[in-house]
Amino acid sequence: MSQGLFDLSGRVAVVTGGTSGLGREIALGLASAGADVAPASRRLEQVEKTAAEIEALGRRSLRVASDVLDRPSLQRLHDVVLNQFGKVDILVNAAGITHKAPTMEEDEAAWSNVMETNLTGTMRACQIFGRTMARAGYGRIINIGSIASFLGFYQVAAYAASKSAVASLTKTLAIELAQSGVNVNAIAPGVFPTALNMPLIHGTPRGDEILQRTPMHRFGDARELVGPAVFLASEAASFVNGTVLAVDGGFLASGVNC
């Protein structure tokens, strides 16, 4: 019975930002748990590669490029998913970018780009796919926040502000959609090496400081986000709603900023 709680067989998932970094690992993890998964990103070649990996796991997938900055492209993705699979049960919003600059010198265009991608892009996907979930009376939305949802981080004000807002958006949507059978939660990863942040943390004083302040004294492995994602997408989390789940090696428990 306990294993069945985490079984995603018969479920259909969409993962924005699902062809690279943390999003790709989550997409493959959901497929390994039994879900059919549509990985979404702007680059069709990356979508095709990840879709092939999902199909190699014995699950169905799609090859549709989309961009969280472009509502019509997200709507097209939604429509193709419904046409091909007949429903959508799970949405993971993993598309995101960052920008490093002293806050007092932050360029407004760069700030807006981070906000538009990380926050407004998440809202767009929640609106487009969440409406269909609410009509069906079932859904699991998982937004990807950050430990920066809770803490200030040096010279990444736009990123931290956007991820703080994602946490707030998650809680608000959880309240609004609860009566529709749609649970909305977020995962707040600690520091996981990706192409996005590797230059900032690999062998740098900042990276060394993060390791010192992480009780487990290591960075996360992207595969370690699969379990939390499968949990929140599954029946095991049927009464979990509006939660921001930190997966951070104890970083937040140490109570320090970085």
Protein backbone atom coordinates (compact mmCIF):
# COMPACT_ATOMS: atom_id res chain seq x y z
CA MET A 1 0.00 0.00 0.00
CA SER A 2 2.75 2.44 0.90
CA GLN A 3 4.46 1.92 -2.44
CA GLY A 4 1.18 2.52 -4.25
CA LEU A 5 0.90 5.93 -2.67
CA PHE A 6 3.90 7.07 -4.69
CA ASP A 7 2.90 5.37 -7.95
CA LEU A 8 2.28 7.89 -10.74
CA SER A 9 1.11 5.36 -13.31
CA GLY A 10 -1.63 6.83 -15.46
CA ARG A 11 -0.74 10.41 -14.54
CA VAL A 12 0.24 13.06 -17.08
CA ALA A 13 2.87 15.64 -16.14
CA VAL A 14 4.18 18.82 -17.73
CA VAL A 15 7.55 20.19 -16.59
CA THR A 16 8.52 23.69 -17.69
CA GLY A 17 12.28 24.07 -17.82
CA GLY A 18 12.21 20.29 -18.06
CA THR A 19 15.10 19.70 -20.46
CA SER A 20 18.07 20.83 -18.37
CA GLY A 21 19.32 21.09 -14.83
CA LEU A 22 16.93 20.39 -11.98
CA GLY A 23 13.87 20.37 -14.23
CA ARG A 24 15.26 17.58 -16.40
CA GLU A 25 16.02 15.39 -13.38
CA ILE A 26 12.50 15.95 -12.06
CA ALA A 27 10.96 15.15 -15.46
CA LEU A 28 12.89 11.89 -15.67
CA GLY A 29 12.06 11.11 -12.04
CA LEU A 30 8.33 11.54 -12.60
CA ALA A 31 8.60 9.24 -15.62
CA SER A 32 10.46 6.65 -13.56
CA ALA A 33 7.58 6.78 -11.07
CA GLY A 34 5.13 5.96 -13.86
CA ALA A 35 3.94 9.29 -15.28
CA ASP A 36 3.79 10.28 -18.92
CA VAL A 37 5.80 13.49 -19.10
CA ALA A 38 5.95 16.44 -21.49
CA PRO A 39 9.25 18.28 -20.93
CA ALA A 40 9.01 21.92 -21.96
CA SER A 41 11.65 24.42 -23.03
CA ARG A 42 12.35 26.90 -25.83
CA ARG A 43 14.83 24.70 -27.69
CA LEU A 44 13.18 21.93 -29.67
CA GLU A 45 16.37 19.89 -29.91
CA GLN A 46 16.58 19.73 -26.11
CA VAL A 47 12.91 18.82 -25.88
CA GLU A 48 13.43 16.02 -28.37
CA LYS A 49 16.44 14.66 -26.47
CA THR A 50 14.67 14.63 -23.10
CA ALA A 51 11.48 13.21 -24.63
CA ALA A 52 13.54 10.34 -26.02
CA GLU A 53 14.98 9.68 -22.56
CA ILE A 54 11.48 9.62 -21.09
CA GLU A 55 10.30 7.21 -23.76
CA ALA A 56 13.30 4.99 -23.06
CA LEU A 57 11.86 4.60 -19.55
CA GLY A 58 8.69 3.17 -21.09
CA ARG A 59 6.58 6.30 -20.75
CA ARG A 60 4.91 8.54 -23.33
CA SER A 61 6.23 12.03 -24.07
CA LEU A 62 5.80 14.95 -26.46
CA ARG A 63 8.06 17.08 -28.60
CA VAL A 64 6.68 20.61 -28.37
CA ALA A 65 8.84 23.69 -27.79
CA SER A 66 7.40 26.42 -25.57
CA ASP A 67 8.51 29.49 -23.65
CA VAL A 68 7.19 30.66 -20.29
CA LEU A 69 7.67 34.22 -21.56
CA ASP A 70 5.15 33.57 -24.33
CA ARG A 71 1.59 32.80 -23.25
CA PRO A 72 0.45 31.57 -26.71
CA SER A 73 3.28 29.01 -26.79
CA LEU A 74 2.30 27.72 -23.34
CA GLN A 75 -1.31 27.53 -24.48
CA ARG A 76 -0.22 25.51 -27.53
CA LEU A 77 1.67 23.12 -25.27
CA HIS A 78 -1.41 22.77 -23.07
CA ASP A 79 -3.62 22.07 -26.07
CA VAL A 80 -1.28 19.44 -27.51
CA VAL A 81 -1.02 17.69 -24.12
CA LEU A 82 -4.81 17.53 -23.84
CA ASN A 83 -5.16 16.37 -27.43
CA GLN A 84 -2.55 13.63 -27.09
CA PHE A 85 -3.05 12.51 -23.49
CA GLY A 86 -6.59 13.68 -22.72
CA LYS A 87 -5.72 15.36 -19.44
CA VAL A 88 -3.02 16.98 -17.33
CA ASP A 89 -2.54 15.93 -13.71
CA ILE A 90 0.81 17.38 -12.69
CA LEU A 91 2.54 20.67 -13.46
CA VAL A 92 6.10 21.38 -12.35
CA ASN A 93 7.33 24.93 -12.89
CA ALA A 94 11.11 24.63 -13.08
CA ALA A 95 11.97 27.27 -15.68
CA GLY A 96 14.20 29.93 -14.18
CA ILE A 97 17.17 32.24 -14.62
CA THR A 98 19.39 34.34 -12.38
CA HIS A 99 21.39 37.53 -12.69
CA LYS A 100 24.26 38.70 -10.48
CA ALA A 101 24.80 42.41 -9.84
CA PRO A 102 25.06 44.80 -6.89
CA THR A 103 21.50 45.77 -6.06
CA MET A 104 22.24 49.48 -6.14
CA GLU A 105 23.51 49.06 -9.70
CA GLU A 106 20.85 46.61 -10.91
CA ASP A 107 19.78 47.15 -14.49
CA GLU A 108 16.00 47.41 -14.76
CA ALA A 109 15.86 45.35 -17.93
CA ALA A 110 17.82 42.52 -16.31
CA TRP A 111 15.63 42.75 -13.20
CA SER A 112 12.48 42.57 -15.32
CA ASN A 113 13.77 39.59 -17.29
CA VAL A 114 14.37 37.59 -14.11
CA MET A 115 10.96 38.53 -12.72
CA GLU A 116 9.20 37.79 -15.99
CA THR A 117 10.79 34.35 -16.26
CA ASN A 118 10.82 33.14 -12.66
CA LEU A 119 7.62 34.68 -11.33
CA THR A 120 5.31 35.72 -14.16
CA GLY A 121 6.25 32.66 -16.21
CA THR A 122 5.27 30.47 -13.27
CA MET A 123 1.97 32.32 -12.90
CA ARG A 124 1.23 31.92 -16.64
CA ALA A 125 1.71 28.18 -16.50
CA CYS A 126 -0.33 27.91 -13.31
CA GLN A 127 -3.19 29.80 -14.95
CA ILE A 128 -3.17 27.85 -18.21
CA PHE A 129 -2.80 24.36 -16.77
CA GLY A 130 -4.44 25.07 -13.41
CA ARG A 131 -7.76 25.99 -15.00
CA THR A 132 -7.92 22.61 -16.72
CA MET A 133 -6.98 20.81 -13.51
CA ALA A 134 -9.67 22.68 -11.58
CA ARG A 135 -12.31 21.76 -14.16
CA ALA A 136 -11.24 18.12 -13.91
CA GLY A 137 -11.35 18.26 -10.11
CA TYR A 138 -7.78 17.02 -9.67
CA GLY A 139 -4.27 18.38 -9.97
CA ARG A 140 -0.84 18.74 -8.46
CA ILE A 141 1.13 21.94 -9.08
CA ILE A 142 4.73 22.03 -7.90
CA ASN A 143 6.59 25.32 -8.18
CA ILE A 144 10.35 25.46 -7.84
CA GLY A 145 11.37 28.08 -5.33
CA SER A 146 14.74 28.36 -3.60
CA ILE A 147 16.26 28.81 -0.20
CA ALA A 148 16.42 32.39 -1.49
CA SER A 149 12.64 32.32 -0.98
CA PHE A 150 13.50 32.67 2.71
CA LEU A 151 16.94 34.31 2.86
CA GLY A 152 18.79 37.20 1.31
CA PHE A 153 21.65 36.24 -1.01
CA TYR A 154 24.50 38.53 -2.00
CA GLN A 155 24.08 40.47 -5.27
CA VAL A 156 21.20 38.37 -6.62
CA ALA A 157 18.32 40.59 -5.50
CA ALA A 158 16.18 39.94 -8.57
CA TYR A 159 16.49 36.18 -8.20
CA ALA A 160 15.81 36.25 -4.45
CA ALA A 161 12.85 38.59 -4.86
CA SER A 162 11.37 36.43 -7.62
CA LYS A 163 11.74 33.24 -5.60
CA SER A 164 10.26 34.86 -2.50
CA ALA A 165 7.30 35.83 -4.66
CA VAL A 166 7.02 32.28 -6.02
CA ALA A 167 6.64 31.04 -2.44
CA SER A 168 3.88 33.59 -1.82
CA LEU A 169 2.18 32.76 -5.12
CA THR A 170 2.26 29.08 -4.18
CA LYS A 171 0.47 29.71 -0.90
CA THR A 172 -2.13 31.99 -2.48
CA LEU A 173 -2.93 29.51 -5.25
CA ALA A 174 -3.14 26.70 -2.71
CA ILE A 175 -5.86 28.59 -0.89
CA GLU A 176 -7.75 29.53 -4.05
CA LEU A 177 -7.65 26.07 -5.67
CA ALA A 178 -8.05 23.86 -2.62
CA GLN A 179 -11.79 23.39 -3.13
CA SER A 180 -11.17 22.39 -6.76
CA GLY A 181 -9.10 19.34 -5.91
CA VAL A 182 -5.83 21.00 -6.94
CA ASN A 183 -2.94 20.99 -4.47
CA VAL A 184 -0.26 23.63 -4.94
CA ASN A 185 3.12 23.27 -3.26
CA ALA A 186 6.70 24.30 -3.87
CA ILE A 187 10.15 22.82 -3.49
CA ALA A 188 12.89 25.14 -2.25
CA PRO A 189 16.21 23.60 -3.31
CA GLY A 190 19.39 24.50 -1.53
CA VAL A 191 22.51 24.88 -3.60
CA PHE A 192 22.63 22.34 -6.42
CA PRO A 193 25.36 22.73 -9.03
CA THR A 194 23.86 23.48 -12.45
CA ALA A 195 25.02 25.20 -15.61
CA LEU A 196 23.23 28.28 -14.27
CA ASN A 197 25.20 28.66 -11.05
CA MET A 198 28.39 26.63 -11.53
CA PRO A 199 30.59 29.66 -12.28
CA LEU A 200 29.46 31.24 -9.00
CA ILE A 201 30.04 28.27 -6.68
CA HIS A 202 32.61 25.90 -8.15
CA GLY A 203 35.95 26.48 -6.45
CA THR A 204 35.03 30.03 -5.45
CA PRO A 205 35.15 31.71 -2.03
CA ARG A 206 31.37 32.03 -2.21
CA GLY A 207 30.99 28.31 -2.89
CA ASP A 208 33.33 27.46 -0.03
CA GLU A 209 31.30 29.65 2.30
CA ILE A 210 28.06 27.96 1.28
CA LEU A 211 29.60 24.55 1.98
CA GLN A 212 30.76 25.70 5.40
CA ARG A 213 27.27 26.92 6.26
CA THR A 214 25.55 23.76 5.04
CA PRO A 215 25.42 21.24 7.91
CA MET A 216 25.86 18.31 5.48
CA HIS A 217 28.96 20.07 4.08
CA ARG A 218 28.19 19.36 0.44
CA PHE A 219 26.10 20.64 -2.44
CA GLY A 220 22.95 18.82 -3.44
CA ASP A 221 22.74 16.31 -6.28
CA ALA A 222 19.90 17.06 -8.73
CA ARG A 223 18.66 13.48 -8.34
CA GLU A 224 17.91 14.25 -4.71
CA LEU A 225 14.99 16.42 -5.82
CA VAL A 226 13.22 13.49 -7.46
CA GLY A 227 11.89 12.03 -4.21
CA PRO A 228 10.34 15.29 -2.98
CA ALA A 229 8.84 15.94 -6.43
CA VAL A 230 7.33 12.46 -6.69
CA PHE A 231 5.98 12.80 -3.15
CA LEU A 232 4.24 16.12 -3.86
CA ALA A 233 2.90 14.79 -7.17
CA SER A 234 1.51 11.62 -5.60
CA GLU A 235 -1.39 10.51 -3.44
CA ALA A 236 1.04 10.39 -0.53
CA ALA A 237 0.73 14.20 -0.44
CA SER A 238 -3.06 14.33 -0.75
CA PHE A 239 -3.36 16.54 2.37
CA VAL A 240 -0.23 18.62 1.71
CA ASN A 241 -1.18 22.03 0.34
CA GLY A 242 0.50 25.43 0.39
CA THR A 243 3.80 24.04 1.65
CA VAL A 244 7.27 25.18 0.58
CA LEU A 245 9.47 22.14 1.15
CA ALA A 246 13.14 22.93 1.66
CA VAL A 247 15.62 20.41 0.26
CA ASP A 248 18.83 22.03 1.38
CA GLY A 249 21.06 19.79 3.46
CA GLY A 250 20.09 21.74 6.58
CA PHE A 251 21.11 25.17 5.28
CA LEU A 252 17.97 26.93 6.53
CA ALA A 253 18.22 25.17 9.87
CA SER A 254 21.61 26.79 10.38
CA GLY A 255 19.88 30.20 10.32
CA VAL A 256 22.46 32.16 8.34
CA ASN A 257 22.38 34.39 5.28
CA CYS A 258 24.87 34.16 2.44
